[in-house]
Amino acid sequence: MIVVVNKKDYKGHLGKLEIAKIDMAFSKGHPPHYRYAEYIGRSNGGSLLQNNFIIGRDGTREEVIAKAGIEIRQRMESDPSFYNYMEALAAIHKCGAILLLLCHCKPLACHGDVVKEILEAM
């Protein structure tokens, strides 16, 4: 399972994220702590998965999200180390653990939704 959450709401536990009751066994019998969090925002030096496009300067929210998706897909094709990074994140999801993608946008539409879509398709 991959969940995009607001970084302000994530304090190292699932309680306030409204996903605590989904399936505390996380569908594969793993203990409740079997989850990973990956920051995908721009602050504090940013992330490999940050959205390099800014609302207003580079387009509407929807446009910059789409541009981020295109950039991520192109980077996966051209940069083997980035592809391996994405593959490692996808493996977390595939093994049945929860992968939290932390950003500052949620609950608004976010490039994290595109990252989630890409990872789930891998």
N, C-alpha and C. Protein backbone atom coordinates (compact mmCIF):
# COMPACT_ATOMS: atom_id res chain seq x y z
N MET A 1 0.84 -1.17 0.00
CA MET A 1 0.00 0.00 0.00
C MET A 1 0.89 1.24 0.00
N ILE A 2 0.55 2.18 -0.84
CA ILE A 2 1.26 3.46 -0.89
C ILE A 2 0.25 4.55 -0.55
N VAL A 3 0.63 5.41 0.40
CA VAL A 3 -0.26 6.48 0.84
C VAL A 3 0.51 7.80 0.80
N VAL A 4 -0.08 8.81 0.16
CA VAL A 4 0.52 10.15 0.14
C VAL A 4 -0.09 10.92 1.31
N VAL A 5 0.77 11.44 2.18
CA VAL A 5 0.30 12.13 3.38
C VAL A 5 1.01 13.47 3.55
N ASN A 6 0.37 14.36 4.27
CA ASN A 6 0.97 15.66 4.56
C ASN A 6 2.03 15.48 5.63
N LYS A 7 3.21 16.00 5.37
CA LYS A 7 4.34 15.86 6.29
C LYS A 7 4.02 16.39 7.68
N LYS A 8 3.21 17.45 7.76
CA LYS A 8 2.86 18.02 9.07
C LYS A 8 2.06 17.03 9.91
N ASP A 9 1.31 16.14 9.26
CA ASP A 9 0.47 15.20 9.98
C ASP A 9 1.21 13.93 10.41
N TYR A 10 2.36 13.68 9.80
CA TYR A 10 3.08 12.45 10.09
C TYR A 10 4.08 12.69 11.21
N LYS A 11 3.90 12.00 12.30
CA LYS A 11 4.78 12.12 13.47
C LYS A 11 5.44 10.79 13.81
N GLY A 12 5.61 9.94 12.81
CA GLY A 12 6.22 8.65 13.05
C GLY A 12 5.23 7.56 13.41
N HIS A 13 3.94 7.88 13.37
CA HIS A 13 2.91 6.89 13.64
C HIS A 13 1.73 7.15 12.72
N LEU A 14 0.81 6.21 12.66
CA LEU A 14 -0.29 6.31 11.71
C LEU A 14 -1.57 6.88 12.30
N GLY A 15 -1.61 7.13 13.58
CA GLY A 15 -2.83 7.50 14.27
C GLY A 15 -3.66 8.61 13.64
N LYS A 16 -3.09 9.78 13.37
CA LYS A 16 -3.85 10.92 12.85
C LYS A 16 -4.04 10.89 11.34
N LEU A 17 -3.48 9.92 10.66
CA LEU A 17 -3.53 9.91 9.20
C LEU A 17 -4.78 9.28 8.62
N GLU A 18 -5.67 8.82 9.47
CA GLU A 18 -6.92 8.19 9.06
C GLU A 18 -6.70 6.92 8.24
N ILE A 19 -5.53 6.30 8.39
CA ILE A 19 -5.30 5.02 7.74
C ILE A 19 -5.00 3.95 8.79
N ALA A 20 -5.07 4.34 10.07
CA ALA A 20 -4.71 3.41 11.14
C ALA A 20 -5.61 2.18 11.15
N LYS A 21 -6.86 2.33 10.71
CA LYS A 21 -7.79 1.22 10.80
C LYS A 21 -7.88 0.42 9.51
N ILE A 22 -7.07 0.74 8.52
CA ILE A 22 -7.16 0.06 7.22
C ILE A 22 -6.99 -1.44 7.38
N ASP A 23 -5.88 -1.85 7.90
CA ASP A 23 -5.61 -3.26 8.15
C ASP A 23 -4.32 -3.30 8.94
N MET A 24 -4.43 -3.33 10.25
CA MET A 24 -3.25 -3.21 11.08
C MET A 24 -2.25 -4.34 10.85
N ALA A 25 -2.66 -5.39 10.19
CA ALA A 25 -1.71 -6.44 9.84
C ALA A 25 -1.05 -6.12 8.50
N PHE A 26 -1.50 -5.04 7.87
CA PHE A 26 -0.98 -4.59 6.58
C PHE A 26 -1.02 -5.68 5.52
N SER A 27 -2.09 -6.43 5.54
CA SER A 27 -2.50 -7.38 4.51
C SER A 27 -1.57 -8.57 4.31
N LYS A 28 -0.36 -8.54 4.80
CA LYS A 28 0.55 -9.68 4.58
C LYS A 28 1.07 -10.25 5.90
N GLY A 29 0.45 -9.89 7.01
CA GLY A 29 0.86 -10.43 8.28
C GLY A 29 2.05 -9.74 8.91
N HIS A 30 2.47 -8.59 8.35
CA HIS A 30 3.58 -7.87 8.94
C HIS A 30 3.12 -7.12 10.19
N PRO A 31 4.00 -6.89 11.14
CA PRO A 31 3.63 -6.13 12.33
C PRO A 31 3.30 -4.68 11.97
N PRO A 32 2.55 -3.98 12.82
CA PRO A 32 2.10 -2.62 12.51
C PRO A 32 3.23 -1.62 12.25
N HIS A 33 4.43 -1.89 12.70
CA HIS A 33 5.52 -0.95 12.46
C HIS A 33 6.18 -1.17 11.11
N TYR A 34 5.68 -2.12 10.32
CA TYR A 34 6.28 -2.46 9.04
C TYR A 34 5.84 -1.45 7.98
N ARG A 35 6.43 -0.27 8.06
CA ARG A 35 6.10 0.79 7.11
C ARG A 35 7.34 1.65 6.89
N TYR A 36 7.33 2.36 5.81
CA TYR A 36 8.45 3.22 5.42
C TYR A 36 7.89 4.58 5.03
N ALA A 37 8.64 5.62 5.32
CA ALA A 37 8.24 6.98 4.95
C ALA A 37 9.34 7.58 4.09
N GLU A 38 8.94 8.14 2.98
CA GLU A 38 9.88 8.78 2.06
C GLU A 38 9.42 10.21 1.82
N TYR A 39 10.28 11.17 2.16
CA TYR A 39 9.96 12.59 1.94
C TYR A 39 10.12 12.91 0.46
N ILE A 40 9.10 13.55 -0.14
CA ILE A 40 9.14 13.86 -1.57
C ILE A 40 9.00 15.36 -1.84
N GLY A 41 9.23 16.18 -0.83
CA GLY A 41 9.07 17.62 -0.98
C GLY A 41 10.36 18.35 -1.32
N ARG A 42 10.26 19.70 -1.34
CA ARG A 42 11.39 20.55 -1.72
C ARG A 42 12.16 21.11 -0.53
N SER A 43 11.55 21.21 0.64
CA SER A 43 12.22 21.88 1.75
C SER A 43 13.37 21.05 2.31
N ASN A 44 14.22 21.70 3.09
CA ASN A 44 15.38 21.06 3.72
C ASN A 44 16.30 20.38 2.71
N GLY A 45 16.57 21.05 1.62
CA GLY A 45 17.45 20.46 0.61
C GLY A 45 16.74 19.63 -0.42
N GLY A 46 15.48 19.34 -0.18
CA GLY A 46 14.68 18.64 -1.17
C GLY A 46 14.89 17.14 -1.19
N SER A 47 14.24 16.54 -2.14
CA SER A 47 14.19 15.10 -2.30
C SER A 47 14.45 14.75 -3.76
N LEU A 48 14.86 13.53 -4.00
CA LEU A 48 14.99 13.07 -5.38
C LEU A 48 13.65 13.12 -6.11
N LEU A 49 12.57 13.05 -5.35
CA LEU A 49 11.24 13.04 -5.95
C LEU A 49 10.50 14.37 -5.79
N GLN A 50 11.21 15.43 -5.49
CA GLN A 50 10.54 16.72 -5.34
C GLN A 50 9.96 17.18 -6.67
N ASN A 51 8.92 18.00 -6.60
CA ASN A 51 8.35 18.60 -7.80
C ASN A 51 9.14 19.87 -8.10
N ASN A 52 9.86 19.87 -9.20
CA ASN A 52 10.67 21.03 -9.57
C ASN A 52 9.87 22.14 -10.23
N PHE A 53 8.58 21.92 -10.41
CA PHE A 53 7.71 22.91 -11.04
C PHE A 53 6.86 23.58 -9.96
N ILE A 54 6.70 24.89 -10.07
CA ILE A 54 6.03 25.68 -9.04
C ILE A 54 4.72 26.24 -9.57
N ILE A 55 3.67 26.08 -8.76
CA ILE A 55 2.35 26.61 -9.12
C ILE A 55 2.46 28.11 -9.35
N GLY A 56 1.86 28.59 -10.43
CA GLY A 56 1.93 30.01 -10.77
C GLY A 56 3.03 30.25 -11.77
N ARG A 57 4.27 30.06 -11.36
CA ARG A 57 5.41 30.28 -12.24
C ARG A 57 5.41 29.33 -13.44
N ASP A 58 5.08 28.04 -13.16
CA ASP A 58 5.18 27.01 -14.18
C ASP A 58 3.82 26.48 -14.64
N GLY A 59 2.74 27.02 -14.10
CA GLY A 59 1.40 26.58 -14.51
C GLY A 59 0.48 26.40 -13.32
N THR A 60 -0.69 25.87 -13.60
CA THR A 60 -1.68 25.59 -12.56
C THR A 60 -1.22 24.38 -11.75
N ARG A 61 -1.90 24.10 -10.66
CA ARG A 61 -1.58 22.91 -9.85
C ARG A 61 -1.60 21.66 -10.73
N GLU A 62 -2.64 21.50 -11.52
CA GLU A 62 -2.77 20.32 -12.37
C GLU A 62 -1.63 20.25 -13.39
N GLU A 63 -1.26 21.38 -13.94
CA GLU A 63 -0.19 21.41 -14.94
C GLU A 63 1.17 21.06 -14.34
N VAL A 64 1.48 21.59 -13.16
CA VAL A 64 2.79 21.29 -12.57
C VAL A 64 2.85 19.84 -12.08
N ILE A 65 1.72 19.28 -11.69
CA ILE A 65 1.69 17.87 -11.31
C ILE A 65 1.97 17.01 -12.55
N ALA A 66 1.33 17.35 -13.65
CA ALA A 66 1.56 16.60 -14.89
C ALA A 66 3.01 16.73 -15.34
N LYS A 67 3.57 17.93 -15.25
CA LYS A 67 4.97 18.14 -15.64
C LYS A 67 5.91 17.32 -14.76
N ALA A 68 5.61 17.24 -13.48
CA ALA A 68 6.44 16.45 -12.57
C ALA A 68 6.40 14.98 -12.97
N GLY A 69 5.23 14.48 -13.33
CA GLY A 69 5.11 13.09 -13.76
C GLY A 69 5.93 12.80 -15.00
N ILE A 70 5.89 13.73 -15.96
CA ILE A 70 6.69 13.58 -17.18
C ILE A 70 8.17 13.57 -16.84
N GLU A 71 8.59 14.49 -15.98
CA GLU A 71 10.00 14.58 -15.60
C GLU A 71 10.48 13.31 -14.89
N ILE A 72 9.66 12.78 -13.99
CA ILE A 72 10.03 11.56 -13.27
C ILE A 72 10.17 10.39 -14.23
N ARG A 73 9.20 10.25 -15.14
CA ARG A 73 9.27 9.14 -16.10
C ARG A 73 10.49 9.27 -17.01
N GLN A 74 10.79 10.48 -17.46
CA GLN A 74 11.97 10.69 -18.31
C GLN A 74 13.25 10.39 -17.55
N ARG A 75 13.29 10.79 -16.30
CA ARG A 75 14.48 10.53 -15.49
C ARG A 75 14.67 9.04 -15.25
N MET A 76 13.57 8.32 -15.08
CA MET A 76 13.67 6.86 -14.91
C MET A 76 14.27 6.20 -16.14
N GLU A 77 13.96 6.74 -17.32
CA GLU A 77 14.48 6.18 -18.57
C GLU A 77 15.95 6.55 -18.80
N SER A 78 16.35 7.71 -18.32
CA SER A 78 17.70 8.20 -18.65
C SER A 78 18.73 8.01 -17.54
N ASP A 79 18.29 7.75 -16.31
CA ASP A 79 19.21 7.68 -15.18
C ASP A 79 19.04 6.33 -14.46
N PRO A 80 19.93 5.38 -14.70
CA PRO A 80 19.79 4.05 -14.09
C PRO A 80 19.77 4.09 -12.55
N SER A 81 20.51 4.98 -11.93
CA SER A 81 20.51 5.02 -10.47
C SER A 81 19.16 5.53 -9.95
N PHE A 82 18.55 6.47 -10.67
CA PHE A 82 17.22 6.94 -10.27
C PHE A 82 16.19 5.84 -10.47
N TYR A 83 16.30 5.10 -11.57
CA TYR A 83 15.40 3.97 -11.79
C TYR A 83 15.53 2.96 -10.66
N ASN A 84 16.76 2.67 -10.24
CA ASN A 84 16.98 1.72 -9.14
C ASN A 84 16.36 2.23 -7.85
N TYR A 85 16.45 3.53 -7.62
CA TYR A 85 15.82 4.14 -6.44
C TYR A 85 14.30 3.93 -6.49
N MET A 86 13.71 4.19 -7.64
CA MET A 86 12.27 4.00 -7.79
C MET A 86 11.90 2.53 -7.64
N GLU A 87 12.72 1.66 -8.18
CA GLU A 87 12.49 0.22 -8.06
C GLU A 87 12.53 -0.22 -6.60
N ALA A 88 13.43 0.35 -5.82
CA ALA A 88 13.52 0.02 -4.39
C ALA A 88 12.27 0.47 -3.65
N LEU A 89 11.76 1.65 -3.99
CA LEU A 89 10.51 2.12 -3.37
C LEU A 89 9.34 1.22 -3.77
N ALA A 90 9.28 0.84 -5.03
CA ALA A 90 8.21 -0.05 -5.50
C ALA A 90 8.28 -1.40 -4.78
N ALA A 91 9.48 -1.87 -4.49
CA ALA A 91 9.65 -3.16 -3.82
C ALA A 91 9.05 -3.13 -2.41
N ILE A 92 9.13 -1.98 -1.76
CA ILE A 92 8.52 -1.84 -0.42
C ILE A 92 7.03 -2.11 -0.52
N HIS A 93 6.41 -1.50 -1.52
CA HIS A 93 4.97 -1.69 -1.75
C HIS A 93 4.67 -3.15 -2.11
N LYS A 94 5.48 -3.71 -2.98
CA LYS A 94 5.22 -5.07 -3.46
C LYS A 94 5.35 -6.12 -2.36
N CYS A 95 6.18 -5.85 -1.36
CA CYS A 95 6.35 -6.85 -0.29
C CYS A 95 5.22 -6.78 0.75
N GLY A 96 4.31 -5.83 0.57
CA GLY A 96 3.15 -5.76 1.46
C GLY A 96 3.27 -4.74 2.56
N ALA A 97 4.36 -4.02 2.61
CA ALA A 97 4.51 -2.97 3.63
C ALA A 97 3.81 -1.70 3.16
N ILE A 98 3.63 -0.78 4.07
CA ILE A 98 3.07 0.52 3.74
C ILE A 98 4.22 1.47 3.41
N LEU A 99 4.11 2.14 2.29
CA LEU A 99 5.06 3.19 1.92
C LEU A 99 4.31 4.51 2.00
N LEU A 100 4.77 5.37 2.90
CA LEU A 100 4.18 6.70 3.03
C LEU A 100 5.03 7.67 2.22
N LEU A 101 4.40 8.43 1.35
CA LEU A 101 5.06 9.49 0.61
C LEU A 101 4.69 10.80 1.28
N LEU A 102 5.67 11.47 1.87
CA LEU A 102 5.42 12.67 2.67
C LEU A 102 5.65 13.93 1.84
N CYS A 103 4.63 14.78 1.78
CA CYS A 103 4.74 16.05 1.06
C CYS A 103 4.07 17.14 1.89
N HIS A 104 3.95 18.32 1.33
CA HIS A 104 3.30 19.42 2.03
C HIS A 104 1.95 19.77 1.43
N CYS A 105 1.56 19.13 0.34
CA CYS A 105 0.35 19.50 -0.40
C CYS A 105 -0.93 18.86 0.13
N LYS A 106 -0.83 17.62 0.51
CA LYS A 106 -2.04 16.89 0.89
C LYS A 106 -2.79 17.63 1.98
N PRO A 107 -4.09 17.69 1.90
CA PRO A 107 -5.00 16.85 1.11
C PRO A 107 -5.29 17.36 -0.31
N LEU A 108 -4.63 18.43 -0.74
CA LEU A 108 -4.81 18.90 -2.12
C LEU A 108 -4.15 17.93 -3.09
N ALA A 109 -4.51 18.06 -4.37
CA ALA A 109 -3.85 17.26 -5.40
C ALA A 109 -2.35 17.52 -5.33
N CYS A 110 -1.56 16.49 -5.58
CA CYS A 110 -0.12 16.57 -5.33
C CYS A 110 0.63 15.71 -6.32
N HIS A 111 1.88 16.08 -6.61
CA HIS A 111 2.70 15.24 -7.48
C HIS A 111 2.93 13.87 -6.84
N GLY A 112 2.74 13.78 -5.53
CA GLY A 112 2.85 12.49 -4.85
C GLY A 112 1.84 11.48 -5.38
N ASP A 113 0.70 11.98 -5.84
CA ASP A 113 -0.30 11.08 -6.42
C ASP A 113 0.24 10.43 -7.70
N VAL A 114 1.01 11.20 -8.47
CA VAL A 114 1.64 10.68 -9.70
C VAL A 114 2.77 9.72 -9.33
N VAL A 115 3.56 10.07 -8.33
CA VAL A 115 4.63 9.17 -7.88
C VAL A 115 4.02 7.84 -7.45
N LYS A 116 2.95 7.92 -6.68
CA LYS A 116 2.26 6.70 -6.23
C LYS A 116 1.81 5.86 -7.43
N GLU A 117 1.21 6.51 -8.40
CA GLU A 117 0.74 5.81 -9.61
C GLU A 117 1.89 5.12 -10.35
N ILE A 118 3.00 5.81 -10.48
CA ILE A 118 4.18 5.24 -11.15
C ILE A 118 4.70 4.03 -10.39
N LEU A 119 4.83 4.18 -9.06
CA LEU A 119 5.36 3.09 -8.24
C LEU A 119 4.44 1.87 -8.27
N GLU A 120 3.15 2.10 -8.21
CA GLU A 120 2.20 0.97 -8.22
C GLU A 120 2.22 0.23 -9.56
N ALA A 121 2.59 0.93 -10.62
CA ALA A 121 2.61 0.30 -11.95
C ALA A 121 3.91 -0.46 -12.21
N MET A 122 4.90 -0.28 -11.37
CA MET A 122 6.20 -0.94 -11.59
C MET A 122 6.14 -2.42 -11.22
